[in-house]
N, C-alpha and C. Protein backbone atom coordinates (compact mmCIF):
# COMPACT_ATOMS: atom_id res chain seq x y z
N LEU A 1 -7.23 -160.96 93.79
CA LEU A 1 -6.29 -161.23 94.86
C LEU A 1 -5.09 -160.31 94.71
N ALA A 2 -4.39 -160.07 95.77
CA ALA A 2 -3.22 -159.19 95.73
C ALA A 2 -2.10 -159.78 94.88
N LYS A 3 -1.94 -161.11 94.95
CA LYS A 3 -0.95 -161.79 94.11
C LYS A 3 -1.40 -163.24 93.95
N PRO A 4 -0.91 -163.95 92.93
CA PRO A 4 -1.29 -165.36 92.76
C PRO A 4 -0.94 -166.19 94.00
N ALA A 5 -1.85 -167.05 94.40
CA ALA A 5 -1.65 -167.82 95.63
C ALA A 5 -2.34 -169.18 95.54
N ARG A 6 -1.90 -170.09 96.41
CA ARG A 6 -2.56 -171.40 96.55
C ARG A 6 -3.62 -171.25 97.64
N ILE A 7 -4.85 -171.34 97.25
CA ILE A 7 -5.96 -171.11 98.16
C ILE A 7 -6.32 -172.41 98.88
N HIS A 8 -6.62 -172.29 100.19
CA HIS A 8 -7.05 -173.47 100.93
C HIS A 8 -8.41 -173.28 101.61
N ARG A 9 -8.88 -172.02 101.69
CA ARG A 9 -10.16 -171.78 102.37
C ARG A 9 -10.78 -170.49 101.86
N ILE A 10 -12.10 -170.49 101.68
CA ILE A 10 -12.85 -169.31 101.29
C ILE A 10 -14.04 -169.20 102.23
N VAL A 11 -14.24 -168.00 102.80
CA VAL A 11 -15.35 -167.77 103.73
C VAL A 11 -16.25 -166.69 103.13
N LEU A 12 -17.54 -167.02 103.00
CA LEU A 12 -18.53 -166.05 102.54
C LEU A 12 -19.32 -165.58 103.76
N ASP A 13 -19.44 -164.27 103.91
CA ASP A 13 -20.11 -163.68 105.06
C ASP A 13 -21.43 -163.06 104.60
N PHE A 14 -22.54 -163.55 105.15
CA PHE A 14 -23.87 -163.04 104.82
C PHE A 14 -24.47 -162.25 106.00
N SER A 15 -23.62 -161.67 106.85
CA SER A 15 -24.06 -161.05 108.11
C SER A 15 -25.20 -160.05 107.96
N TYR A 16 -25.15 -159.17 106.99
CA TYR A 16 -26.16 -158.12 106.87
C TYR A 16 -27.25 -158.46 105.87
N PHE A 17 -27.30 -159.69 105.42
CA PHE A 17 -28.29 -160.10 104.43
C PHE A 17 -29.12 -161.26 104.98
N VAL A 18 -29.90 -160.96 106.01
CA VAL A 18 -30.67 -161.99 106.69
C VAL A 18 -31.78 -162.52 105.79
N ASN A 19 -32.46 -161.66 105.04
CA ASN A 19 -33.56 -162.10 104.19
C ASN A 19 -33.23 -162.00 102.71
N ASN A 20 -32.02 -161.60 102.38
CA ASN A 20 -31.69 -161.37 100.97
C ASN A 20 -30.37 -162.03 100.57
N ASN A 21 -30.00 -163.13 101.20
CA ASN A 21 -28.80 -163.82 100.76
C ASN A 21 -29.16 -164.74 99.60
N PRO A 22 -28.18 -165.14 98.78
CA PRO A 22 -28.48 -166.01 97.64
C PRO A 22 -28.94 -167.40 98.09
N TYR A 23 -29.58 -168.08 97.18
CA TYR A 23 -30.05 -169.45 97.42
C TYR A 23 -28.88 -170.43 97.30
N GLU A 24 -28.09 -170.26 96.22
CA GLU A 24 -26.92 -171.10 95.97
C GLU A 24 -25.76 -170.23 95.50
N VAL A 25 -24.53 -170.73 95.68
CA VAL A 25 -23.32 -170.01 95.30
C VAL A 25 -22.35 -170.99 94.66
N SER A 26 -21.62 -170.53 93.64
CA SER A 26 -20.50 -171.31 93.10
C SER A 26 -19.30 -170.38 92.97
N LEU A 27 -18.10 -170.94 93.04
CA LEU A 27 -16.86 -170.15 93.00
C LEU A 27 -15.95 -170.69 91.91
N ILE A 28 -15.43 -169.78 91.09
CA ILE A 28 -14.54 -170.10 89.98
C ILE A 28 -13.20 -169.42 90.25
N GLY A 29 -12.10 -170.11 89.95
CA GLY A 29 -10.77 -169.53 90.09
C GLY A 29 -10.10 -169.38 88.74
N LEU A 30 -9.42 -168.27 88.54
CA LEU A 30 -8.70 -168.02 87.29
C LEU A 30 -7.22 -168.30 87.53
N THR A 31 -6.66 -169.20 86.73
CA THR A 31 -5.24 -169.53 86.80
C THR A 31 -4.57 -169.08 85.51
N LYS A 32 -3.29 -169.30 85.45
CA LYS A 32 -2.53 -168.96 84.25
C LYS A 32 -3.03 -169.77 83.05
N ASN A 33 -3.53 -170.97 83.29
CA ASN A 33 -3.97 -171.88 82.23
C ASN A 33 -5.46 -171.81 81.94
N GLY A 34 -6.22 -170.97 82.63
CA GLY A 34 -7.65 -170.87 82.40
C GLY A 34 -8.43 -170.91 83.70
N ALA A 35 -9.74 -171.09 83.57
CA ALA A 35 -10.62 -171.09 84.73
C ALA A 35 -10.84 -172.51 85.25
N ILE A 36 -10.91 -172.64 86.58
CA ILE A 36 -11.21 -173.93 87.21
C ILE A 36 -12.30 -173.71 88.28
N THR A 37 -13.06 -174.74 88.55
CA THR A 37 -14.11 -174.67 89.57
C THR A 37 -13.49 -174.90 90.94
N LEU A 38 -13.67 -173.94 91.83
CA LEU A 38 -13.18 -174.08 93.20
C LEU A 38 -14.25 -174.71 94.08
N VAL A 39 -15.51 -174.26 93.91
CA VAL A 39 -16.64 -174.79 94.67
C VAL A 39 -17.81 -174.94 93.71
N ASP A 40 -18.33 -176.16 93.61
CA ASP A 40 -19.52 -176.39 92.80
C ASP A 40 -20.71 -175.67 93.43
N LYS A 41 -21.78 -175.56 92.68
CA LYS A 41 -22.99 -174.90 93.17
C LYS A 41 -23.40 -175.51 94.50
N SER A 42 -23.43 -174.67 95.55
CA SER A 42 -23.72 -175.13 96.91
C SER A 42 -24.89 -174.37 97.51
N PHE A 43 -25.71 -175.04 98.24
CA PHE A 43 -26.89 -174.47 98.89
C PHE A 43 -26.45 -173.66 100.11
N VAL A 44 -26.71 -172.34 100.11
CA VAL A 44 -26.27 -171.47 101.21
C VAL A 44 -27.40 -170.70 101.88
N LYS A 45 -28.63 -170.91 101.46
CA LYS A 45 -29.76 -170.15 102.03
C LYS A 45 -29.86 -170.27 103.55
N PRO A 46 -29.61 -171.44 104.15
CA PRO A 46 -29.70 -171.55 105.61
C PRO A 46 -28.67 -170.72 106.37
N PHE A 47 -27.66 -170.18 105.69
CA PHE A 47 -26.61 -169.42 106.36
C PHE A 47 -26.90 -167.92 106.39
N ALA A 48 -28.15 -167.51 106.16
CA ALA A 48 -28.54 -166.09 106.21
C ALA A 48 -28.14 -165.51 107.56
N GLY A 49 -27.47 -164.37 107.54
CA GLY A 49 -27.03 -163.72 108.77
C GLY A 49 -25.80 -164.35 109.40
N ASN A 50 -25.19 -165.32 108.74
CA ASN A 50 -24.02 -166.03 109.27
C ASN A 50 -22.93 -166.13 108.21
N LYS A 51 -21.95 -166.99 108.46
CA LYS A 51 -20.84 -167.22 107.54
C LYS A 51 -20.85 -168.67 107.06
N LYS A 52 -20.38 -168.88 105.86
CA LYS A 52 -20.24 -170.23 105.30
C LYS A 52 -18.80 -170.40 104.85
N GLU A 53 -18.16 -171.45 105.30
CA GLU A 53 -16.75 -171.71 104.98
C GLU A 53 -16.64 -172.88 104.01
N PHE A 54 -15.79 -172.71 102.99
CA PHE A 54 -15.52 -173.76 102.02
C PHE A 54 -14.03 -174.09 102.06
N CYS A 55 -13.69 -175.37 102.16
CA CYS A 55 -12.31 -175.81 102.06
C CYS A 55 -12.02 -176.10 100.59
N VAL A 56 -10.91 -175.60 100.09
CA VAL A 56 -10.56 -175.73 98.68
C VAL A 56 -9.28 -176.54 98.57
N GLN A 57 -9.25 -177.52 97.68
CA GLN A 57 -8.08 -178.37 97.49
C GLN A 57 -7.58 -178.23 96.06
N VAL A 58 -6.82 -177.18 95.80
CA VAL A 58 -6.29 -176.91 94.46
C VAL A 58 -4.80 -176.62 94.60
N ASP A 59 -3.98 -177.26 93.75
CA ASP A 59 -2.53 -177.06 93.82
C ASP A 59 -2.04 -175.92 92.93
N GLU A 60 -2.90 -175.42 92.06
CA GLU A 60 -2.48 -174.36 91.14
C GLU A 60 -2.53 -173.00 91.82
N LEU A 61 -1.76 -172.05 91.28
CA LEU A 61 -1.80 -170.68 91.77
C LEU A 61 -3.04 -170.00 91.20
N ILE A 62 -3.84 -169.44 92.06
CA ILE A 62 -5.07 -168.76 91.66
C ILE A 62 -4.78 -167.26 91.61
N GLU A 63 -5.16 -166.62 90.50
CA GLU A 63 -4.92 -165.19 90.32
C GLU A 63 -6.16 -164.36 90.68
N GLN A 64 -7.34 -164.88 90.36
CA GLN A 64 -8.60 -164.19 90.63
C GLN A 64 -9.65 -165.22 91.00
N ILE A 65 -10.68 -164.77 91.72
CA ILE A 65 -11.83 -165.63 91.95
C ILE A 65 -13.09 -164.91 91.50
N LYS A 66 -14.07 -165.71 91.10
CA LYS A 66 -15.35 -165.18 90.69
C LYS A 66 -16.42 -165.86 91.52
N VAL A 67 -17.27 -165.06 92.15
CA VAL A 67 -18.37 -165.58 92.96
C VAL A 67 -19.65 -165.44 92.13
N ILE A 68 -20.36 -166.54 91.96
CA ILE A 68 -21.60 -166.53 91.20
C ILE A 68 -22.74 -166.89 92.16
N ALA A 69 -23.68 -165.95 92.32
CA ALA A 69 -24.84 -166.16 93.18
C ALA A 69 -26.02 -166.58 92.32
N HIS A 70 -26.71 -167.65 92.74
CA HIS A 70 -27.85 -168.20 92.01
C HIS A 70 -29.08 -168.15 92.90
N PRO A 71 -30.11 -167.42 92.72
CA PRO A 71 -30.18 -166.16 91.98
C PRO A 71 -29.48 -165.07 92.77
N ASP A 72 -29.58 -163.85 92.31
CA ASP A 72 -28.90 -162.74 92.99
C ASP A 72 -29.28 -162.67 94.45
N GLY A 73 -28.32 -162.21 95.23
CA GLY A 73 -28.53 -162.02 96.66
C GLY A 73 -27.30 -161.36 97.24
N GLY A 74 -27.40 -160.94 98.47
CA GLY A 74 -26.32 -160.18 99.08
C GLY A 74 -25.28 -161.03 99.76
N ILE A 75 -24.03 -160.68 99.51
CA ILE A 75 -22.88 -161.27 100.21
C ILE A 75 -22.11 -160.11 100.79
N ASN A 76 -21.96 -160.10 102.10
CA ASN A 76 -21.30 -159.00 102.78
C ASN A 76 -19.81 -158.95 102.51
N ARG A 77 -19.14 -160.09 102.62
CA ARG A 77 -17.69 -160.13 102.48
C ARG A 77 -17.25 -161.49 101.98
N VAL A 78 -16.20 -161.49 101.15
CA VAL A 78 -15.59 -162.72 100.67
C VAL A 78 -14.15 -162.73 101.17
N ARG A 79 -13.81 -163.71 101.99
CA ARG A 79 -12.46 -163.82 102.51
C ARG A 79 -11.78 -165.03 101.88
N VAL A 80 -10.58 -164.82 101.35
CA VAL A 80 -9.83 -165.89 100.71
C VAL A 80 -8.54 -166.09 101.49
N PHE A 81 -8.30 -167.32 101.94
CA PHE A 81 -7.12 -167.66 102.72
C PHE A 81 -6.20 -168.53 101.89
N SER A 82 -4.90 -168.21 101.94
CA SER A 82 -3.95 -168.95 101.12
C SER A 82 -2.79 -169.44 101.95
N TYR A 83 -2.06 -170.40 101.38
CA TYR A 83 -0.80 -170.85 101.95
C TYR A 83 0.28 -169.85 101.58
N ASN A 84 1.33 -169.76 102.34
CA ASN A 84 2.45 -168.91 101.96
C ASN A 84 3.14 -169.49 100.75
N VAL A 85 3.39 -168.65 99.75
CA VAL A 85 4.01 -169.11 98.50
C VAL A 85 5.46 -168.69 98.50
């Protein structure tokens, strides 16, 4: 991320991966105090060629995010939306 922020929404875009998007995805956030789970392992295979939005309810400032695809697959874009800090 450009700077630490309070995240409220993450959008994964699978637009160009109609037959090669991951089966499941999980998202981890790195804070000053360590790593926290933003999104547990979620089934995303039906969203091939589309977008999947996750609402995140975390009060801590997130410095980085890690996207884990189970198994490997294509993700076109990861958009992270934050509140103004």
